[in-house]
Amino acid sequence: MPAKKRCQFHIGTDSQCSSAALRIVGQCPLCRAQFCSSHRLPEHHECLNLEDCRQQAFERNKSKLESERTVAPKIAAS
């Protein structure tokens, strides 16, 4: 039986996490590393790709809001 995968939080340092990585939800969608339940969220393991993800989400939201914007025609005063 293969050994359990370990959390990759601070791997190779003195503060390395020794908990077992989660099988299904333990993989970060941004950096593809395996983490335990405490470090599985990008905010909790200091993910290097988090800022890129936030910028992409901002750009998607910005373009969606701009495409839905309505511009009222100016009404001529008589």
Protein backbone atom coordinates (compact mmCIF):
# COMPACT_ATOMS: atom_id res chain seq x y z
CA MET A 1 0.00 0.00 0.00
CA PRO A 2 1.47 3.40 -0.96
CA ALA A 3 2.28 5.92 1.74
CA LYS A 4 -0.21 8.67 2.48
CA LYS A 5 0.42 11.98 0.73
CA ARG A 6 1.35 14.71 3.16
CA CYS A 7 0.31 18.35 3.17
CA GLN A 8 2.69 20.50 1.09
CA PHE A 9 2.35 23.60 3.28
CA HIS A 10 5.84 25.05 3.90
CA ILE A 11 7.43 21.88 2.54
CA GLY A 12 11.14 21.62 3.27
CA THR A 13 11.10 24.04 6.21
CA ASP A 14 10.97 23.64 9.97
CA SER A 15 7.32 24.74 10.03
CA GLN A 16 6.21 22.06 7.53
CA CYS A 17 2.74 20.61 8.14
CA SER A 18 2.76 16.87 8.80
CA SER A 19 -0.98 16.25 8.36
CA ALA A 20 -2.29 13.93 5.65
CA ALA A 21 -3.46 15.60 2.44
CA LEU A 22 -7.14 15.29 1.55
CA ARG A 23 -7.85 13.07 -1.45
CA ILE A 24 -10.71 14.87 -3.17
CA VAL A 25 -10.79 18.49 -1.99
CA GLY A 26 -7.15 18.82 -0.91
CA GLN A 27 -5.76 19.90 -4.28
CA CYS A 28 -5.50 23.65 -4.81
CA PRO A 29 -7.11 24.60 -8.15
CA LEU A 30 -4.54 27.37 -8.65
CA CYS A 31 -1.18 25.76 -7.84
CA ARG A 32 -2.20 22.05 -8.03
CA ALA A 33 -0.42 21.19 -4.75
CA GLN A 34 -1.95 18.81 -2.17
CA PHE A 35 -2.98 20.16 1.24
CA CYS A 36 -4.66 19.05 4.47
CA SER A 37 -8.02 20.39 5.62
CA SER A 38 -6.36 23.32 7.43
CA HIS A 39 -4.39 24.55 4.42
CA ARG A 40 -6.56 23.55 1.44
CA LEU A 41 -7.86 27.06 0.69
CA PRO A 42 -5.55 29.34 -1.35
CA GLU A 43 -5.73 32.03 1.36
CA HIS A 44 -4.53 29.56 4.01
CA HIS A 45 -1.44 28.24 2.21
CA GLU A 46 -0.19 31.53 0.77
CA CYS A 47 -0.84 30.42 -2.81
CA LEU A 48 1.42 32.16 -5.31
CA ASN A 49 -1.31 32.19 -7.98
CA LEU A 50 -3.95 33.82 -5.78
CA GLU A 51 -3.32 37.37 -6.98
CA ASP A 52 -3.55 36.27 -10.63
CA CYS A 53 -6.85 34.56 -9.89
CA ARG A 54 -8.22 37.67 -8.20
CA GLN A 55 -7.16 39.84 -11.15
CA GLN A 56 -8.82 37.49 -13.64
CA ALA A 57 -12.04 37.47 -11.60
CA PHE A 58 -11.94 41.28 -11.42
CA GLU A 59 -11.54 41.54 -15.20
CA ARG A 60 -14.40 39.07 -15.84
CA ASN A 61 -16.68 40.96 -13.47
CA LYS A 62 -15.70 44.30 -14.99
CA SER A 63 -16.46 43.17 -18.55
CA LYS A 64 -19.78 41.62 -17.47
CA LEU A 65 -20.87 44.80 -15.71
CA GLU A 66 -19.84 46.96 -18.66
CA SER A 67 -21.78 44.78 -21.09
CA GLU A 68 -24.91 45.05 -18.94
CA ARG A 69 -24.70 48.80 -18.47
CA THR A 70 -27.61 50.81 -19.84
CA VAL A 71 -27.16 54.32 -21.08
CA ALA A 72 -30.25 56.48 -20.94
CA PRO A 73 -30.66 58.79 -23.94
CA LYS A 74 -30.58 62.48 -23.14
CA ILE A 75 -34.02 64.02 -23.07
CA ALA A 76 -34.31 67.26 -24.98
CA ALA A 77 -35.66 70.06 -22.84
CA SER A 78 -38.43 72.06 -24.50
